[in-house]
Amino acid sequence: MKPGEEQKVCEVVRDVFSEFVAPLYENEGVDEFSRYIDPILLAKRSKGNHFTLLAEDAGNLVGVIELRDFNHISLLFVVTSAQRRGIAKHLLHEALEMARSNKPDLSEVSVHSSPNAVDAYERLGFKAEGTEKLEHGIRYIPMRLHLRNHDDG
């Protein structure tokens, strides 16, 4: 993500969240998530311990991944029309390459999956680690992806 793209990124994330995740949440959770995807805060996080990668198709933003501390997925959203085309897998692969270049000993990545995204994360190799949690109105299942070392093949 380049400076100035934060508004566009937040709009895409908000649209996908509103369609798929918000209906599963109480108002507190929707409000909490809305505060998180503020463009100003996204820009601040990008200057700190987060990085955001984007996927485009024909010049249109179709996917977003944000990692915190190179080992936790904060956001992973793909627009409805582009889902099930490998975009999330590609974003994850690129994010892991970037994370490993900054943290060569990286052995796992975590995510707090919304209930409706568990299957998608499982297809990406993540495993659930416990039952559904609720924090500040946000429903999630803790999941983890164990990474092979580059030297393992």
Foldseek 3Di string as FASTA:
>chain_A
DDPPCLVVVLVQQLVQCVVPPVVVWDPQQNVVVNVCSDSVNVVVQCVPQKNKDFDDDPRHTFWMWMDGNLAETPDTDGHPVCPPVCPSLVRVVVSNVVSCVVVVVDFKHKYFARPVCPVVVVVSAKDFDDDWDADSRGIGTIIMHTDDRPVVD
